[in-house]
Amino acid sequence: MKLIWAILAIVGIAYIGVCIFLFLFQARVIFFPDLPGRQLEMFPNNINLAFEDVYAKTEDGEIIHGWYVPAENATVTMLFSHGNAGNISHRLESIALYNSLGMNVLIYDYRGYGQSTGKISEQGFYQDIDAMWRVLTEQKGIRAENIILFGRSLGAAIASQLATRVKAGAVIIESPFTSVPDMGAKLYPFLPVRLLSRFQLSNIIHASQAQSPVLVVHSRHDEIIPFSHGEKVFESAAEPRVFLPISGDHNGGFLLSGNVYIDGLQEFLVKYVATYKKVN
């Protein structure tokens, strides 16, 4: 009997230790700015796109780095919040695609990612996108209704949160999770994730409060964030809202879906953003 109690005590202490570790170091568990690395590996000019380095100061004093990539005769600008791992240099295919659809693109790295300073935090993420919003609206003089907020995966929660506070032309939420606690509960059902989570990043809440038309994009074959999360985010979204199901994996669905993806984006933008001109 003493042996059994000793084993239970060891298991209990180990369990509590894991919980404490996840609470204290969960930013390291959730976010991967160093995968595959923080160095910028390529630049837009490597794929024949002109670009401008952008640096913006956040309200708490961090310096956020991004690229502004103009498109010929563009009438709208995409503010691009990227996914979890890596940095802006790993998103050149995305930049090229949206640029080819007639949009200027401002893509940036969150604090702790790429060349941006600071330590990862949820409120910090929101200050980072605020700083880039000011670059577009104040420095470049772009009207809010001509800005498309775009977020993929992690970036969806950041873009959708800004959409609750500004009235942009539209917001595109691609491959969203419902919230960090929901994802954590799915991945670690044996842990009290909802009690331990210091991050919310709730697309469910943000989408319901968005001040702009919402497009939710999700792949039925997403192996990282379940398709059902995208459906739930769409169901929660404020009107007007559109759902675009695509195919392919989490990171490549927007490319593998081809014209389904491209036509879906353009149809949404033509319908809800008056100044956007469809590119044939």
C-alpha atoms as a PDB file:
ATOM      1  CA  MET A   1       0.000   0.000   0.000  1.00  0.00           C
ATOM      2  CA  LYS A   2       2.839   2.379   0.863  1.00  0.00           C
ATOM      3  CA  LEU A   3       4.326   1.731  -2.576  1.00  0.00           C
ATOM      4  CA  ILE A   4       1.052   2.627  -4.256  1.00  0.00           C
ATOM      5  CA  TRP A   5       0.789   5.876  -2.296  1.00  0.00           C
ATOM      6  CA  ALA A   6       4.404   6.683  -3.096  1.00  0.00           C
ATOM      7  CA  ILE A   7       3.766   6.170  -6.824  1.00  0.00           C
ATOM      8  CA  LEU A   8       0.618   8.301  -6.678  1.00  0.00           C
ATOM      9  CA  ALA A   9       2.527  11.030  -4.868  1.00  0.00           C
ATOM     10  CA  ILE A  10       5.264  11.027  -7.508  1.00  0.00           C
ATOM     11  CA  VAL A  11       2.707  11.130 -10.324  1.00  0.00           C
ATOM     12  CA  GLY A  12       0.853  13.953  -8.578  1.00  0.00           C
ATOM     13  CA  ILE A  13       4.001  15.996  -8.052  1.00  0.00           C
ATOM     14  CA  ALA A  14       5.016  15.450 -11.682  1.00  0.00           C
ATOM     15  CA  TYR A  15       1.555  16.512 -12.870  1.00  0.00           C
ATOM     16  CA  ILE A  16       1.666  19.682 -10.795  1.00  0.00           C
ATOM     17  CA  GLY A  17       5.179  20.344 -12.065  1.00  0.00           C
ATOM     18  CA  VAL A  18       4.022  20.086 -15.683  1.00  0.00           C
ATOM     19  CA  CYS A  19       1.137  22.470 -14.953  1.00  0.00           C
ATOM     20  CA  ILE A  20       3.473  25.005 -13.339  1.00  0.00           C
ATOM     21  CA  PHE A  21       5.891  24.746 -16.270  1.00  0.00           C
ATOM     22  CA  LEU A  22       3.116  25.313 -18.819  1.00  0.00           C
ATOM     23  CA  PHE A  23       1.786  28.286 -16.884  1.00  0.00           C
ATOM     24  CA  LEU A  24       5.168  29.982 -16.543  1.00  0.00           C
ATOM     25  CA  PHE A  25       6.660  29.128 -19.926  1.00  0.00           C
ATOM     26  CA  GLN A  26       3.632  28.737 -22.171  1.00  0.00           C
ATOM     27  CA  ALA A  27       4.796  31.414 -24.608  1.00  0.00           C
ATOM     28  CA  ARG A  28       7.726  29.109 -25.440  1.00  0.00           C
ATOM     29  CA  VAL A  29       5.368  26.171 -25.840  1.00  0.00           C
ATOM     30  CA  ILE A  30       2.841  27.982 -28.055  1.00  0.00           C
ATOM     31  CA  PHE A  31       4.893  30.334 -30.237  1.00  0.00           C
ATOM     32  CA  PHE A  32       7.774  29.500 -32.593  1.00  0.00           C
ATOM     33  CA  PRO A  33       9.519  32.679 -33.768  1.00  0.00           C
ATOM     34  CA  ASP A  34      12.808  30.796 -34.113  1.00  0.00           C
ATOM     35  CA  LEU A  35      11.430  28.047 -36.369  1.00  0.00           C
ATOM     36  CA  PRO A  36      13.174  27.806 -38.784  1.00  0.00           C
ATOM     37  CA  GLY A  37      15.003  30.948 -37.570  1.00  0.00           C
ATOM     38  CA  ARG A  38      14.730  34.659 -36.802  1.00  0.00           C
ATOM     39  CA  GLN A  39      17.056  35.727 -39.603  1.00  0.00           C
ATOM     40  CA  LEU A  40      15.437  37.115 -42.737  1.00  0.00           C
ATOM     41  CA  GLU A  41      16.356  34.571 -45.400  1.00  0.00           C
ATOM     42  CA  MET A  42      14.990  36.255 -48.538  1.00  0.00           C
ATOM     43  CA  PHE A  43      13.545  39.592 -49.565  1.00  0.00           C
ATOM     44  CA  PRO A  44      10.816  40.698 -51.989  1.00  0.00           C
ATOM     45  CA  ASN A  45      13.414  41.865 -54.509  1.00  0.00           C
ATOM     46  CA  ASN A  46      14.569  38.228 -54.738  1.00  0.00           C
ATOM     47  CA  ILE A  47      11.267  37.591 -56.544  1.00  0.00           C
ATOM     48  CA  ASN A  48      11.362  40.887 -58.469  1.00  0.00           C
ATOM     49  CA  LEU A  49       9.096  42.860 -56.134  1.00  0.00           C
ATOM     50  CA  ALA A  50      10.052  46.359 -55.052  1.00  0.00           C
ATOM     51  CA  PHE A  51       9.708  46.944 -51.326  1.00  0.00           C
ATOM     52  CA  GLU A  52      10.311  49.387 -48.509  1.00  0.00           C
ATOM     53  CA  ASP A  53      11.541  48.511 -45.026  1.00  0.00           C
ATOM     54  CA  VAL A  54       9.123  49.819 -42.420  1.00  0.00           C
ATOM     55  CA  TYR A  55       9.864  50.369 -38.737  1.00  0.00           C
ATOM     56  CA  ALA A  56       7.151  51.429 -36.313  1.00  0.00           C
ATOM     57  CA  LYS A  57       7.261  52.176 -32.592  1.00  0.00           C
ATOM     58  CA  THR A  58       4.584  50.638 -30.392  1.00  0.00           C
ATOM     59  CA  GLU A  59       2.937  52.389 -27.474  1.00  0.00           C
ATOM     60  CA  ASP A  60       5.152  50.438 -25.065  1.00  0.00           C
ATOM     61  CA  GLY A  61       8.337  51.340 -26.927  1.00  0.00           C
ATOM     62  CA  GLU A  62       9.085  48.246 -29.039  1.00  0.00           C
ATOM     63  CA  ILE A  63      10.242  48.562 -32.648  1.00  0.00           C
ATOM     64  CA  ILE A  64       8.230  46.510 -35.124  1.00  0.00           C
ATOM     65  CA  HIS A  65       9.694  45.722 -38.526  1.00  0.00           C
ATOM     66  CA  GLY A  66       7.836  45.070 -41.734  1.00  0.00           C
ATOM     67  CA  TRP A  67       7.883  45.374 -45.504  1.00  0.00           C
ATOM     68  CA  TYR A  68       5.657  47.582 -47.607  1.00  0.00           C
ATOM     69  CA  VAL A  69       5.298  46.036 -51.064  1.00  0.00           C
ATOM     70  CA  PRO A  70       3.420  48.281 -53.518  1.00  0.00           C
ATOM     71  CA  ALA A  71       1.358  46.978 -56.446  1.00  0.00           C
ATOM     72  CA  GLU A  72       0.920  48.818 -59.708  1.00  0.00           C
ATOM     73  CA  ASN A  73      -2.322  50.846 -59.820  1.00  0.00           C
ATOM     74  CA  ALA A  74      -3.440  49.409 -56.472  1.00  0.00           C
ATOM     75  CA  THR A  75      -6.477  51.012 -54.857  1.00  0.00           C
ATOM     76  CA  VAL A  76      -6.418  48.960 -51.639  1.00  0.00           C
ATOM     77  CA  THR A  77      -3.750  47.850 -49.194  1.00  0.00           C
ATOM     78  CA  MET A  78      -3.558  44.595 -47.247  1.00  0.00           C
ATOM     79  CA  LEU A  79      -2.278  44.693 -43.669  1.00  0.00           C
ATOM     80  CA  PHE A  80      -0.923  41.139 -43.393  1.00  0.00           C
ATOM     81  CA  SER A  81      -0.594  39.349 -40.023  1.00  0.00           C
ATOM     82  CA  HIS A  82       1.218  36.061 -40.597  1.00  0.00           C
ATOM     83  CA  GLY A  83       1.102  32.656 -38.927  1.00  0.00           C
ATOM     84  CA  ASN A  84       2.976  31.313 -35.950  1.00  0.00           C
ATOM     85  CA  ALA A  85       6.355  29.922 -37.020  1.00  0.00           C
ATOM     86  CA  GLY A  86       9.070  31.915 -38.755  1.00  0.00           C
ATOM     87  CA  ASN A  87       8.987  35.493 -40.012  1.00  0.00           C
ATOM     88  CA  ILE A  88       8.018  37.690 -42.942  1.00  0.00           C
ATOM     89  CA  SER A  89      10.783  36.296 -45.145  1.00  0.00           C
ATOM     90  CA  HIS A  90       8.956  32.938 -45.160  1.00  0.00           C
ATOM     91  CA  ARG A  91       5.820  34.515 -46.686  1.00  0.00           C
ATOM     92  CA  LEU A  92       7.085  35.624 -50.100  1.00  0.00           C
ATOM     93  CA  GLU A  93       4.637  33.370 -51.977  1.00  0.00           C
ATOM     94  CA  SER A  94       1.754  35.002 -50.123  1.00  0.00           C
ATOM     95  CA  ILE A  95       3.062  38.513 -50.747  1.00  0.00           C
ATOM     96  CA  ALA A  96       3.450  37.782 -54.457  1.00  0.00           C
ATOM     97  CA  LEU A  97      -0.064  36.370 -54.703  1.00  0.00           C
ATOM     98  CA  TYR A  98      -1.842  39.280 -53.029  1.00  0.00           C
ATOM     99  CA  ASN A  99       0.319  41.749 -54.901  1.00  0.00           C
ATOM    100  CA  SER A 100      -0.735  40.080 -58.171  1.00  0.00           C
ATOM    101  CA  LEU A 101      -4.370  40.572 -57.132  1.00  0.00           C
ATOM    102  CA  GLY A 102      -3.894  44.333 -57.181  1.00  0.00           C
ATOM    103  CA  MET A 103      -3.150  45.040 -53.523  1.00  0.00           C
ATOM    104  CA  ASN A 104      -0.309  46.831 -51.827  1.00  0.00           C
ATOM    105  CA  VAL A 105       0.903  44.633 -48.967  1.00  0.00           C
ATOM    106  CA  LEU A 106       2.249  45.688 -45.580  1.00  0.00           C
ATOM    107  CA  ILE A 107       3.487  42.565 -43.794  1.00  0.00           C
ATOM    108  CA  TYR A 108       5.185  42.780 -40.415  1.00  0.00           C
ATOM    109  CA  ASP A 109       6.774  40.651 -37.715  1.00  0.00           C
ATOM    110  CA  TYR A 110       5.330  40.560 -34.210  1.00  0.00           C
ATOM    111  CA  ARG A 111       7.480  41.431 -31.230  1.00  0.00           C
ATOM    112  CA  GLY A 112      10.001  38.655 -30.691  1.00  0.00           C
ATOM    113  CA  TYR A 113       9.794  37.614 -34.359  1.00  0.00           C
ATOM    114  CA  GLY A 114      12.242  38.462 -37.149  1.00  0.00           C
ATOM    115  CA  GLN A 115      13.811  41.895 -36.668  1.00  0.00           C
ATOM    116  CA  SER A 116      11.115  43.168 -34.295  1.00  0.00           C
ATOM    117  CA  THR A 117      12.104  43.792 -30.686  1.00  0.00           C
ATOM    118  CA  GLY A 118      10.363  42.745 -27.496  1.00  0.00           C
ATOM    119  CA  LYS A 119       8.947  39.691 -25.770  1.00  0.00           C
ATOM    120  CA  ILE A 120       5.846  37.833 -26.898  1.00  0.00           C
ATOM    121  CA  SER A 121       2.556  38.742 -25.197  1.00  0.00           C
ATOM    122  CA  GLU A 122      -1.057  38.882 -26.294  1.00  0.00           C
ATOM    123  CA  GLN A 123      -1.511  42.575 -25.550  1.00  0.00           C
ATOM    124  CA  GLY A 124       1.825  43.167 -27.221  1.00  0.00           C
ATOM    125  CA  PHE A 125       0.553  41.565 -30.428  1.00  0.00           C
ATOM    126  CA  TYR A 126      -2.337  44.014 -30.460  1.00  0.00           C
ATOM    127  CA  GLN A 127       0.021  46.950 -29.941  1.00  0.00           C
ATOM    128  CA  ASP A 128       2.164  45.672 -32.814  1.00  0.00           C
ATOM    129  CA  ILE A 129      -0.683  45.705 -35.321  1.00  0.00           C
ATOM    130  CA  ASP A 130      -1.801  49.085 -33.996  1.00  0.00           C
ATOM    131  CA  ALA A 131       1.636  50.476 -34.849  1.00  0.00           C
ATOM    132  CA  MET A 132       1.384  49.162 -38.412  1.00  0.00           C
ATOM    133  CA  TRP A 133      -2.166  50.491 -38.754  1.00  0.00           C
ATOM    134  CA  ARG A 134      -0.790  53.929 -37.892  1.00  0.00           C
ATOM    135  CA  VAL A 135       1.900  53.535 -40.557  1.00  0.00           C
ATOM    136  CA  LEU A 136      -0.793  53.062 -43.181  1.00  0.00           C
ATOM    137  CA  THR A 137      -3.347  55.593 -41.976  1.00  0.00           C
ATOM    138  CA  GLU A 138      -1.057  58.343 -40.667  1.00  0.00           C
ATOM    139  CA  GLN A 139       2.275  58.046 -42.473  1.00  0.00           C
ATOM    140  CA  LYS A 140       1.006  56.841 -45.830  1.00  0.00           C
ATOM    141  CA  GLY A 141      -2.368  58.569 -45.630  1.00  0.00           C
ATOM    142  CA  ILE A 142      -4.389  55.525 -46.684  1.00  0.00           C
ATOM    143  CA  ARG A 143      -8.079  55.734 -45.822  1.00  0.00           C
ATOM    144  CA  ALA A 144      -9.362  53.067 -43.444  1.00  0.00           C
ATOM    145  CA  GLU A 145     -11.990  51.864 -45.918  1.00  0.00           C
ATOM    146  CA  ASN A 146      -9.200  51.053 -48.395  1.00  0.00           C
ATOM    147  CA  ILE A 147      -7.335  48.774 -45.964  1.00  0.00           C
ATOM    148  CA  ILE A 148      -7.933  45.024 -45.891  1.00  0.00           C
ATOM    149  CA  LEU A 149      -7.070  43.378 -42.584  1.00  0.00           C
ATOM    150  CA  PHE A 150      -5.718  39.895 -43.266  1.00  0.00           C
ATOM    151  CA  GLY A 151      -4.642  37.276 -40.748  1.00  0.00           C
ATOM    152  CA  ARG A 152      -3.645  33.654 -41.234  1.00  0.00           C
ATOM    153  CA  SER A 153      -3.632  31.122 -38.357  1.00  0.00           C
ATOM    154  CA  LEU A 154      -2.149  32.997 -35.361  1.00  0.00           C
ATOM    155  CA  GLY A 155      -2.443  36.206 -37.349  1.00  0.00           C
ATOM    156  CA  ALA A 156      -6.190  35.717 -37.746  1.00  0.00           C
ATOM    157  CA  ALA A 157      -6.735  36.416 -34.043  1.00  0.00           C
ATOM    158  CA  ILE A 158      -4.584  39.548 -34.228  1.00  0.00           C
ATOM    159  CA  ALA A 159      -6.208  40.942 -37.368  1.00  0.00           C
ATOM    160  CA  SER A 160      -9.707  40.136 -36.118  1.00  0.00           C
ATOM    161  CA  GLN A 161      -9.003  41.874 -32.797  1.00  0.00           C
ATOM    162  CA  LEU A 162      -8.049  45.071 -34.633  1.00  0.00           C
ATOM    163  CA  ALA A 163     -11.278  44.723 -36.633  1.00  0.00           C
ATOM    164  CA  THR A 164     -13.201  45.177 -33.365  1.00  0.00           C
ATOM    165  CA  ARG A 165     -11.621  48.617 -32.907  1.00  0.00           C
ATOM    166  CA  VAL A 166     -11.334  50.093 -36.403  1.00  0.00           C
ATOM    167  CA  LYS A 167     -13.639  50.137 -39.396  1.00  0.00           C
ATOM    168  CA  ALA A 168     -11.460  48.815 -42.207  1.00  0.00           C
ATOM    169  CA  GLY A 169     -12.659  47.971 -45.696  1.00  0.00           C
ATOM    170  CA  ALA A 170     -12.866  44.267 -44.802  1.00  0.00           C
ATOM    171  CA  VAL A 171     -11.245  41.590 -42.660  1.00  0.00           C
ATOM    172  CA  ILE A 172     -10.096  38.202 -43.971  1.00  0.00           C
ATOM    173  CA  ILE A 173      -9.632  35.499 -41.326  1.00  0.00           C
ATOM    174  CA  GLU A 174      -7.815  32.496 -42.761  1.00  0.00           C
ATOM    175  CA  SER A 175      -7.301  29.149 -40.984  1.00  0.00           C
ATOM    176  CA  PRO A 176      -8.487  30.498 -37.622  1.00  0.00           C
ATOM    177  CA  PHE A 177      -8.676  28.645 -34.329  1.00  0.00           C
ATOM    178  CA  THR A 178     -11.601  29.529 -32.089  1.00  0.00           C
ATOM    179  CA  SER A 179      -9.256  30.432 -29.205  1.00  0.00           C
ATOM    180  CA  VAL A 180      -5.957  29.376 -27.659  1.00  0.00           C
ATOM    181  CA  PRO A 181      -7.667  27.602 -24.722  1.00  0.00           C
ATOM    182  CA  ASP A 182      -9.820  25.627 -27.181  1.00  0.00           C
ATOM    183  CA  MET A 183      -6.742  24.536 -29.134  1.00  0.00           C
ATOM    184  CA  GLY A 184      -4.886  23.730 -25.938  1.00  0.00           C
ATOM    185  CA  ALA A 185      -7.758  21.615 -24.618  1.00  0.00           C
ATOM    186  CA  LYS A 186      -7.729  19.660 -27.896  1.00  0.00           C
ATOM    187  CA  LEU A 187      -3.970  19.055 -27.786  1.00  0.00           C
ATOM    188  CA  TYR A 188      -3.660  18.424 -24.043  1.00  0.00           C
ATOM    189  CA  PRO A 189      -6.983  16.969 -22.858  1.00  0.00           C
ATOM    190  CA  PHE A 190      -5.325  15.600 -19.712  1.00  0.00           C
ATOM    191  CA  LEU A 191      -4.360  19.091 -18.458  1.00  0.00           C
ATOM    192  CA  PRO A 192      -6.522  21.942 -17.048  1.00  0.00           C
ATOM    193  CA  VAL A 193      -5.576  24.124 -20.005  1.00  0.00           C
ATOM    194  CA  ARG A 194      -8.448  26.592 -19.620  1.00  0.00           C
ATOM    195  CA  LEU A 195      -7.320  27.396 -16.087  1.00  0.00           C
ATOM    196  CA  LEU A 196      -3.657  27.647 -17.040  1.00  0.00           C
ATOM    197  CA  SER A 197      -3.938  29.659 -20.254  1.00  0.00           C
ATOM    198  CA  ARG A 198      -2.481  33.166 -20.152  1.00  0.00           C
ATOM    199  CA  PHE A 199      -3.409  33.691 -23.806  1.00  0.00           C
ATOM    200  CA  GLN A 200      -6.918  33.931 -25.221  1.00  0.00           C
ATOM    201  CA  LEU A 201      -6.556  35.179 -28.830  1.00  0.00           C
ATOM    202  CA  SER A 202     -10.245  34.481 -29.320  1.00  0.00           C
ATOM    203  CA  ASN A 203     -11.398  34.632 -32.923  1.00  0.00           C
ATOM    204  CA  ILE A 204     -14.880  33.691 -31.717  1.00  0.00           C
ATOM    205  CA  ILE A 205     -15.164  36.889 -29.699  1.00  0.00           C
ATOM    206  CA  HIS A 206     -13.330  39.118 -32.150  1.00  0.00           C
ATOM    207  CA  ALA A 207     -15.286  38.000 -35.214  1.00  0.00           C
ATOM    208  CA  SER A 208     -18.567  38.624 -33.409  1.00  0.00           C
ATOM    209  CA  GLN A 209     -17.534  42.229 -32.781  1.00  0.00           C
ATOM    210  CA  ALA A 210     -15.927  43.020 -36.134  1.00  0.00           C
ATOM    211  CA  GLN A 211     -16.859  46.395 -37.590  1.00  0.00           C
ATOM    212  CA  SER A 212     -16.143  45.342 -41.178  1.00  0.00           C
ATOM    213  CA  PRO A 213     -17.359  42.624 -43.567  1.00  0.00           C
ATOM    214  CA  VAL A 214     -15.793  39.290 -42.607  1.00  0.00           C
ATOM    215  CA  LEU A 215     -14.436  36.546 -44.868  1.00  0.00           C
ATOM    216  CA  VAL A 216     -13.529  33.304 -43.095  1.00  0.00           C
ATOM    217  CA  VAL A 217     -11.319  30.926 -45.094  1.00  0.00           C
ATOM    218  CA  HIS A 218     -10.521  27.385 -43.965  1.00  0.00           C
ATOM    219  CA  SER A 219      -9.376  24.146 -45.550  1.00  0.00           C
ATOM    220  CA  ARG A 220     -11.313  20.945 -45.011  1.00  0.00           C
ATOM    221  CA  HIS A 221      -7.944  19.156 -44.920  1.00  0.00           C
ATOM    222  CA  ASP A 222      -6.232  21.398 -42.372  1.00  0.00           C
ATOM    223  CA  GLU A 223      -4.132  19.029 -40.261  1.00  0.00           C
ATOM    224  CA  ILE A 224      -3.279  21.596 -37.558  1.00  0.00           C
ATOM    225  CA  ILE A 225      -6.415  23.646 -36.909  1.00  0.00           C
ATOM    226  CA  PRO A 226      -9.636  21.658 -37.389  1.00  0.00           C
ATOM    227  CA  PHE A 227     -12.072  22.782 -40.084  1.00  0.00           C
ATOM    228  CA  SER A 228     -14.739  22.915 -37.369  1.00  0.00           C
ATOM    229  CA  HIS A 229     -12.898  25.846 -35.785  1.00  0.00           C
ATOM    230  CA  GLY A 230     -13.300  27.845 -38.981  1.00  0.00           C
ATOM    231  CA  GLU A 231     -16.982  26.962 -39.120  1.00  0.00           C
ATOM    232  CA  LYS A 232     -17.520  28.092 -35.535  1.00  0.00           C
ATOM    233  CA  VAL A 233     -15.681  31.367 -36.137  1.00  0.00           C
ATOM    234  CA  PHE A 234     -17.855  32.003 -39.175  1.00  0.00           C
ATOM    235  CA  GLU A 235     -21.026  31.220 -37.239  1.00  0.00           C
ATOM    236  CA  SER A 236     -20.019  33.738 -34.587  1.00  0.00           C
ATOM    237  CA  ALA A 237     -19.043  36.471 -37.053  1.00  0.00           C
ATOM    238  CA  ALA A 238     -21.018  39.650 -37.400  1.00  0.00           C
ATOM    239  CA  GLU A 239     -22.858  40.298 -40.654  1.00  0.00           C
ATOM    240  CA  PRO A 240     -21.990  40.718 -43.423  1.00  0.00           C
ATOM    241  CA  ARG A 241     -19.977  37.514 -43.475  1.00  0.00           C
ATOM    242  CA  VAL A 242     -18.837  34.983 -46.076  1.00  0.00           C
ATOM    243  CA  PHE A 243     -17.347  31.500 -45.657  1.00  0.00           C
ATOM    244  CA  LEU A 244     -14.839  30.161 -48.195  1.00  0.00           C
ATOM    245  CA  PRO A 245     -13.952  26.459 -47.837  1.00  0.00           C
ATOM    246  CA  ILE A 246     -10.725  25.494 -49.562  1.00  0.00           C
ATOM    247  CA  SER A 247      -8.555  22.348 -49.792  1.00  0.00           C
ATOM    248  CA  GLY A 248      -4.977  21.453 -48.972  1.00  0.00           C
ATOM    249  CA  ASP A 249      -2.893  21.474 -45.827  1.00  0.00           C
ATOM    250  CA  HIS A 250      -2.660  24.195 -43.192  1.00  0.00           C
ATOM    251  CA  ASN A 251       0.323  25.993 -44.680  1.00  0.00           C
ATOM    252  CA  GLY A 252      -0.297  25.398 -48.367  1.00  0.00           C
ATOM    253  CA  GLY A 253      -4.055  25.431 -48.814  1.00  0.00           C
ATOM    254  CA  PHE A 254      -4.167  28.953 -50.220  1.00  0.00           C
ATOM    255  CA  LEU A 255      -1.839  27.859 -53.022  1.00  0.00           C
ATOM    256  CA  LEU A 256      -3.160  24.331 -53.577  1.00  0.00           C
ATOM    257  CA  SER A 257      -6.747  25.582 -53.910  1.00  0.00           C
ATOM    258  CA  GLY A 258      -5.838  27.692 -56.942  1.00  0.00           C
ATOM    259  CA  ASN A 259      -8.723  29.576 -58.505  1.00  0.00           C
ATOM    260  CA  VAL A 260     -11.158  28.511 -55.796  1.00  0.00           C
ATOM    261  CA  TYR A 261      -9.136  30.603 -53.378  1.00  0.00           C
ATOM    262  CA  ILE A 262      -8.309  33.472 -55.722  1.00  0.00           C
ATOM    263  CA  ASP A 263     -11.829  33.819 -57.119  1.00  0.00           C
ATOM    264  CA  GLY A 264     -13.324  33.588 -53.631  1.00  0.00           C
ATOM    265  CA  LEU A 265     -11.137  36.407 -52.319  1.00  0.00           C
ATOM    266  CA  GLN A 266     -11.771  38.631 -55.306  1.00  0.00           C
ATOM    267  CA  GLU A 267     -15.526  38.080 -55.292  1.00  0.00           C
ATOM    268  CA  PHE A 268     -15.660  39.003 -51.609  1.00  0.00           C
ATOM    269  CA  LEU A 269     -13.560  42.139 -52.108  1.00  0.00           C
ATOM    270  CA  VAL A 270     -15.483  43.280 -55.189  1.00  0.00           C
ATOM    271  CA  LYS A 271     -18.760  42.931 -53.294  1.00  0.00           C
ATOM    272  CA  TYR A 272     -17.749  44.643 -50.063  1.00  0.00           C
ATOM    273  CA  VAL A 273     -14.833  46.992 -50.831  1.00  0.00           C
ATOM    274  CA  ALA A 274     -16.014  49.635 -53.259  1.00  0.00           C
ATOM    275  CA  THR A 275     -12.565  50.744 -54.413  1.00  0.00           C
ATOM    276  CA  TYR A 276     -11.176  47.265 -55.089  1.00  0.00           C
ATOM    277  CA  LYS A 277     -10.774  46.417 -58.770  1.00  0.00           C
ATOM    278  CA  LYS A 278     -10.727  42.768 -59.754  1.00  0.00           C
ATOM    279  CA  VAL A 279      -7.578  41.619 -61.551  1.00  0.00           C
ATOM    280  CA  ASN A 280      -8.242  39.244 -64.439  1.00  0.00           C
END
